[in-house]
Amino acid sequence: MIIGIIGLGLMGGSMGLALKNTKLVSKIVGYDNNIANCEEALKLGLIEEIVNFEDIKKCDVIFLAIPVEAIISTMKNLTDVDKNTTIIDLGSTKDEIVKNTSKELKSNFIPAHPMTGTEKFGPSAAFNSLYNGNVVVICKLDTIDDIHLTRAIQIFSHIGMKIVFMNPKEHDEHAAYISHMPHALSYALANSVMRQQDPKSILMLAGGGFRDMSRVAKSSPVMWSNIFKQNRKNFLSSVKSFEVELAKCREMVENEEWEKLEEWMKNATTLHKIL
């Protein structure tokens, strides 16, 4: 198969590297609106060749590794691809993307979300084991032809991913809690410190806990504002849920209810029995 990757940052670049280690592909080509990204991706060996958008359309498989808003707009320019071409998006939201999929692409478009990533972005952030051992959600829609679904399953399996099937609405509800809300909390934590009178002095004391919680605040603001926009309703619901729990904590401390606070904390520790 000839693989075309649109978007040569962390996700797209890592997909190129991962696929190089399989026997599924004969060639990997790439396209990115950012010329610097193209040059860097070639230099790093993430893909073998940079091609124009029309040539990307001729590939056997096209990966969309770009922000979720860009996925929707880009798919409008892919309606003339061959029906044998499999299009796979790697976006962090699914429902809006599926709703905006044109009828021409219903049979060969695979909505997918690899549940992996880092706070880094751009071609230099890519590495070949990003996908290995992690879960990928595939939205198994009735409109998808079996040949394309089978091809997507084969690709994700060969790069070491664990496949979970879920409908788009269910995916977005779950992702709001497990991915989208934590990013918002990390941005909020970083901003709360940076708005203090002397943030540098505060950060001198930063240990592992703060670093772990604030790490994802280094993630791409463009990408994450897109995600919050597309999954607005579920995102707001998850934030409200968090605010309820944070308010409980504040009230227990204000009222000096230490035993009650300890029980609340104990309940939270049971999460890691599931993980």
Protein backbone atom coordinates (compact mmCIF):
# COMPACT_ATOMS: atom_id res chain seq x y z
CA MET A 1 0.00 0.00 0.00
CA ILE A 2 1.03 3.59 -0.61
CA ILE A 3 0.27 5.67 2.49
CA GLY A 4 -0.40 9.40 2.38
CA ILE A 5 -0.24 11.45 5.58
CA ILE A 6 -1.78 14.92 5.78
CA GLY A 7 -0.25 16.72 8.75
CA LEU A 8 3.35 15.97 9.66
CA GLY A 9 3.44 16.79 13.36
CA LEU A 10 3.50 14.46 16.36
CA MET A 11 0.63 12.20 15.27
CA GLY A 12 1.28 12.15 11.53
CA GLY A 13 5.05 11.92 11.84
CA SER A 14 4.84 9.13 14.40
CA MET A 15 2.42 7.25 12.13
CA GLY A 16 4.97 7.47 9.31
CA LEU A 17 7.72 6.09 11.54
CA ALA A 18 5.51 3.32 12.92
CA LEU A 19 4.39 2.18 9.47
CA LYS A 20 7.98 2.00 8.25
CA ASN A 21 8.46 -0.92 10.65
CA THR A 22 5.65 -2.95 9.06
CA LYS A 23 5.49 -4.94 5.83
CA LEU A 24 2.16 -3.38 4.90
CA VAL A 25 3.45 -0.37 3.01
CA SER A 26 5.53 0.17 -0.12
CA LYS A 27 5.83 3.95 0.22
CA ILE A 28 4.91 6.73 2.66
CA VAL A 29 4.32 10.24 1.35
CA GLY A 30 3.27 13.38 3.16
CA TYR A 31 1.58 16.75 2.80
CA ASP A 32 1.51 19.72 5.16
CA ASN A 33 0.49 23.36 4.70
CA ASN A 34 3.57 24.37 6.69
CA ILE A 35 6.65 24.28 4.43
CA ALA A 36 8.99 24.14 7.42
CA ASN A 37 7.17 21.05 8.68
CA CYS A 38 7.58 19.41 5.27
CA GLU A 39 11.32 20.09 5.20
CA GLU A 40 11.78 18.88 8.77
CA ALA A 41 9.71 15.73 8.22
CA LEU A 42 11.86 14.80 5.23
CA LYS A 43 15.06 15.51 7.12
CA LEU A 44 13.94 13.34 10.04
CA GLY A 45 12.82 10.52 7.75
CA LEU A 46 9.21 10.60 8.93
CA ILE A 47 8.05 10.17 5.33
CA GLU A 48 9.83 9.38 2.07
CA GLU A 49 8.51 12.15 -0.12
CA ILE A 50 6.53 15.38 0.04
CA VAL A 51 3.74 15.50 -2.54
CA ASN A 52 1.02 17.97 -3.44
CA PHE A 53 -2.58 17.59 -2.34
CA GLU A 54 -3.74 16.11 -5.64
CA ASP A 55 -1.11 13.36 -5.41
CA ILE A 56 -2.13 12.56 -1.84
CA LYS A 57 -5.56 11.68 -3.24
CA LYS A 58 -3.99 8.87 -5.30
CA CYS A 59 -2.74 6.97 -2.23
CA ASP A 60 -4.27 3.69 -1.08
CA VAL A 61 -4.69 5.05 2.47
CA ILE A 62 -4.88 8.68 3.56
CA PHE A 63 -4.36 9.63 7.21
CA LEU A 64 -5.70 12.98 8.43
CA ALA A 65 -3.39 13.96 11.30
CA ILE A 66 -4.46 17.58 11.62
CA PRO A 67 -6.62 19.64 14.05
CA VAL A 68 -10.25 18.57 14.18
CA GLU A 69 -11.61 21.70 12.49
CA ALA A 70 -9.11 21.21 9.67
CA ILE A 71 -10.22 17.58 9.27
CA ILE A 72 -13.75 18.72 8.42
CA SER A 73 -12.60 21.33 5.91
CA THR A 74 -10.00 19.02 4.33
CA MET A 75 -12.52 16.21 3.83
CA LYS A 76 -14.58 18.53 1.65
CA ASN A 77 -11.65 18.49 -0.76
CA LEU A 78 -11.38 14.70 -0.75
CA THR A 79 -14.83 13.87 -2.12
CA ASP A 80 -13.36 12.90 -5.51
CA VAL A 81 -10.94 10.24 -4.22
CA ASP A 82 -11.26 6.71 -5.55
CA LYS A 83 -13.75 4.53 -3.65
CA ASN A 84 -10.93 2.06 -3.03
CA THR A 85 -8.96 4.67 -1.07
CA THR A 86 -9.30 4.41 2.70
CA ILE A 87 -9.44 7.72 4.57
CA ILE A 88 -8.67 7.56 8.30
CA ASP A 89 -8.85 10.57 10.60
CA LEU A 90 -6.92 10.68 13.88
CA GLY A 91 -8.90 13.48 15.51
CA SER A 92 -9.73 13.71 19.22
CA THR A 93 -13.45 14.28 18.60
CA LYS A 94 -15.69 12.16 16.43
CA ASP A 95 -19.35 13.20 16.39
CA GLU A 96 -18.99 16.53 14.56
CA ILE A 97 -16.55 15.00 12.08
CA VAL A 98 -18.95 12.15 11.31
CA LYS A 99 -21.92 14.52 11.00
CA ASN A 100 -19.98 16.62 8.49
CA THR A 101 -18.82 13.67 6.36
CA SER A 102 -20.19 14.02 2.83
CA LYS A 103 -22.18 11.20 1.27
CA GLU A 104 -19.34 10.59 -1.21
CA LEU A 105 -17.07 9.50 1.64
CA LYS A 106 -19.50 7.52 3.82
CA SER A 107 -18.26 4.14 2.56
CA ASN A 108 -14.49 4.68 2.75
CA PHE A 109 -14.04 7.03 5.71
CA ILE A 110 -12.89 5.56 9.04
CA PRO A 111 -13.32 7.82 12.10
CA ALA A 112 -10.58 6.85 14.55
CA HIS A 113 -8.96 8.26 17.67
CA PRO A 114 -5.66 6.84 18.92
CA MET A 115 -5.70 7.44 22.67
CA THR A 116 -2.10 8.56 22.85
CA GLY A 117 0.02 11.68 22.49
CA THR A 118 2.38 13.96 24.33
CA GLU A 119 2.45 17.66 25.19
CA LYS A 120 4.95 18.22 22.36
CA PHE A 121 4.03 19.01 18.78
CA GLY A 122 5.62 19.43 15.37
CA PRO A 123 7.72 16.95 13.34
CA SER A 124 10.56 16.86 15.88
CA ALA A 125 8.11 15.49 18.49
CA ALA A 126 7.43 12.33 16.45
CA PHE A 127 8.74 8.93 17.56
CA ASN A 128 8.11 5.41 16.29
CA SER A 129 6.58 3.88 19.44
CA LEU A 130 3.89 6.51 20.09
CA TYR A 131 1.07 4.16 19.08
CA ASN A 132 2.46 0.85 20.32
CA GLY A 133 0.49 -0.66 23.22
CA ASN A 134 -2.14 2.09 23.30
CA VAL A 135 -5.88 2.00 22.58
CA VAL A 136 -7.42 3.27 19.35
CA VAL A 137 -11.15 3.93 19.16
CA ILE A 138 -12.71 3.11 15.80
CA CYS A 139 -16.24 4.26 15.08
CA LYS A 140 -17.71 1.23 13.32
CA LEU A 141 -20.44 2.89 11.26
CA ASP A 142 -22.99 0.94 9.19
CA THR A 143 -22.07 2.96 6.12
CA ILE A 144 -18.42 1.81 6.02
CA ASP A 145 -17.51 -0.86 3.47
CA ASP A 146 -15.90 -3.94 5.02
CA ILE A 147 -12.77 -3.62 2.89
CA HIS A 148 -11.93 -0.24 4.43
CA LEU A 149 -12.75 -1.28 7.99
CA THR A 150 -10.60 -4.38 7.59
CA ARG A 151 -7.74 -2.31 6.22
CA ALA A 152 -7.89 0.14 9.14
CA ILE A 153 -7.98 -2.70 11.67
CA GLN A 154 -5.00 -4.31 9.95
CA ILE A 155 -2.96 -1.09 10.03
CA PHE A 156 -3.66 -0.26 13.66
CA SER A 157 -3.01 -3.86 14.70
CA HIS A 158 0.34 -3.93 12.91
CA ILE A 159 1.55 -0.83 14.75
CA GLY A 160 0.66 -2.43 18.07
CA MET A 161 -2.63 -0.74 18.97
CA LYS A 162 -5.51 -2.21 20.97
CA ILE A 163 -8.76 -1.65 19.07
CA VAL A 164 -12.00 -0.56 20.77
CA PHE A 165 -15.22 0.02 18.83
CA MET A 166 -17.51 2.82 19.93
CA ASN A 167 -20.13 5.07 18.37
CA PRO A 168 -19.14 8.74 17.84
CA LYS A 169 -21.46 10.15 20.50
CA GLU A 170 -20.29 7.69 23.15
CA HIS A 171 -16.65 8.39 22.26
CA ASP A 172 -17.06 12.13 22.70
CA GLU A 173 -18.83 11.74 26.04
CA HIS A 174 -16.04 9.56 27.40
CA ALA A 175 -13.19 11.57 25.86
CA ALA A 176 -14.49 14.74 27.52
CA TYR A 177 -13.75 13.23 30.95
CA ILE A 178 -10.61 11.25 30.24
CA SER A 179 -8.84 13.66 27.88
CA HIS A 180 -10.45 17.03 27.26
CA MET A 181 -11.24 18.09 30.84
CA PRO A 182 -7.73 17.15 32.11
CA HIS A 183 -6.20 19.42 29.49
CA ALA A 184 -8.42 22.30 30.59
CA LEU A 185 -7.43 21.70 34.22
CA SER A 186 -3.76 21.73 33.30
CA TYR A 187 -4.13 25.05 31.44
CA ALA A 188 -6.08 26.46 34.41
CA LEU A 189 -3.42 25.31 36.89
CA ALA A 190 -0.66 26.91 34.83
CA ASN A 191 -2.58 30.18 34.49
CA SER A 192 -3.42 30.31 38.21
CA VAL A 193 0.29 30.23 39.04
CA MET A 194 1.35 32.59 36.27
CA ARG A 195 -1.14 35.21 37.51
CA GLN A 196 0.42 35.33 40.96
CA GLN A 197 2.65 38.24 41.93
CA ASP A 198 5.90 36.26 41.76
CA PRO A 199 5.36 33.07 39.70
CA LYS A 200 9.10 32.40 39.32
CA SER A 201 9.55 32.09 43.07
CA ILE A 202 6.55 29.75 43.28
CA LEU A 203 7.86 27.56 40.47
CA MET A 204 11.21 27.19 42.22
CA LEU A 205 9.36 24.88 44.60
CA ALA A 206 7.68 22.84 41.87
CA GLY A 207 8.03 19.10 42.37
CA GLY A 208 6.79 16.02 40.55
CA GLY A 209 3.12 16.55 41.33
CA PHE A 210 2.96 20.04 39.88
CA ARG A 211 5.10 19.09 36.90
CA ASP A 212 2.89 16.08 36.12
CA MET A 213 -0.33 18.07 36.37
CA SER A 214 0.91 21.08 34.40
CA ARG A 215 2.80 19.12 31.72
CA VAL A 216 -0.02 18.97 29.18
CA ALA A 217 -0.46 22.76 29.40
CA LYS A 218 2.43 22.81 26.91
CA SER A 219 0.12 21.20 24.32
CA SER A 220 -0.88 23.06 21.15
CA PRO A 221 -3.48 25.78 21.99
CA VAL A 222 -4.75 25.72 18.39
CA MET A 223 -5.42 21.99 18.50
CA TRP A 224 -7.07 22.02 21.93
CA SER A 225 -9.27 25.06 21.37
CA ASN A 226 -10.54 23.23 18.25
CA ILE A 227 -11.29 20.14 20.35
CA PHE A 228 -13.14 22.11 23.05
CA LYS A 229 -15.18 23.81 20.32
CA GLN A 230 -16.20 20.57 18.59
CA ASN A 231 -17.04 18.76 21.83
CA ARG A 232 -18.43 21.81 23.62
CA LYS A 233 -21.49 20.23 25.24
CA ASN A 234 -19.67 17.18 26.65
CA PHE A 235 -16.66 19.28 27.63
CA LEU A 236 -18.82 21.70 29.64
CA SER A 237 -20.57 18.78 31.34
CA SER A 238 -17.22 17.28 32.40
CA VAL A 239 -15.97 20.63 33.73
CA LYS A 240 -19.17 21.12 35.75
CA SER A 241 -18.70 17.65 37.23
CA PHE A 242 -15.18 18.56 38.28
CA GLU A 243 -16.34 21.88 39.75
CA VAL A 244 -18.83 20.00 41.96
CA GLU A 245 -16.05 17.81 43.37
CA LEU A 246 -13.67 20.75 43.85
CA ALA A 247 -16.40 22.66 45.67
CA LYS A 248 -16.88 19.68 48.03
CA CYS A 249 -13.18 19.74 48.82
CA ARG A 250 -13.19 23.49 49.47
CA GLU A 251 -16.26 23.28 51.73
CA MET A 252 -14.83 20.41 53.79
CA VAL A 253 -11.62 22.36 54.37
CA GLU A 254 -13.53 25.57 55.17
CA ASN A 255 -15.69 23.66 57.68
CA GLU A 256 -12.69 21.73 59.07
CA GLU A 257 -14.37 18.41 58.30
CA TRP A 258 -11.11 16.47 58.21
CA GLU A 259 -12.48 12.94 58.56
CA LYS A 260 -15.01 13.61 55.83
CA LEU A 261 -12.23 15.01 53.64
CA GLU A 262 -10.12 11.91 54.21
CA GLU A 263 -13.00 9.66 53.16
CA TRP A 264 -13.50 11.75 50.03
CA MET A 265 -9.81 11.30 49.19
CA LYS A 266 -9.95 7.55 49.88
CA ASN A 267 -12.81 7.20 47.44
CA ALA A 268 -10.69 8.92 44.77
CA THR A 269 -7.83 6.45 45.24
CA THR A 270 -10.09 3.58 44.10
CA LEU A 271 -9.76 4.94 40.54
CA HIS A 272 -6.36 3.32 40.24
CA LYS A 273 -7.78 -0.11 40.99
CA ILE A 274 -9.56 0.19 37.65
CA LEU A 275 -6.70 1.70 35.63
